[in-house]
Amino acid sequence: MALQFYDETQTLFSGSPLRAVVNGHIGGSAEKKFYIKNGDNTKYYTDITVGLVIDSLDAAGELGASGISVKFLYGEQRPTEAEWDVVLSGDDLALADIGTTSAADISTYHPVWIRIYVPGNTPANIFDSKTIRLTAFPRSVGA
């Protein structure tokens, strides 16, 4: 087992997607919290990043010309507007190492927030079936 995704109730995702709904007619944002946790007591992880796989991400961090934006933040509490404002859409979120060379951390749930903003008059399902990307370097405990 490697790093794993858990929902807001700290239940392991088991094939069901993370869902957020925004009314595209009037626009708005949706925020969801999920967790990342180490499931392998022989490994620790460094250089961890969370991002979104988007093929048409432009320089402004938006999904093509649609104006949709996606942001990630780390923390247990729901981020404030001021905290979201300093994050650029499309930027990956860097997480601290999970575990150390002397011990794997298999008990901590690392909270991550995702915020999706959709402008008004956005066609339905334009942002359906996107993938959250998690990258990390696994290291052996004790090595």
Foldseek 3Di string as FASTA:
>chain_A
DAKFKAFPVRHGDDPDDDDDDAPQQAWDKTKGKMWIFGPDWFKKWAFKKKFWDADQQDPQQARHPQRKFKWKDWDDDDDDPVVVVVTGTGDIDTDHIQADLATGNGPDITMMMMMITGHHPGDPPPPPDIDMDIDIDIDGRND
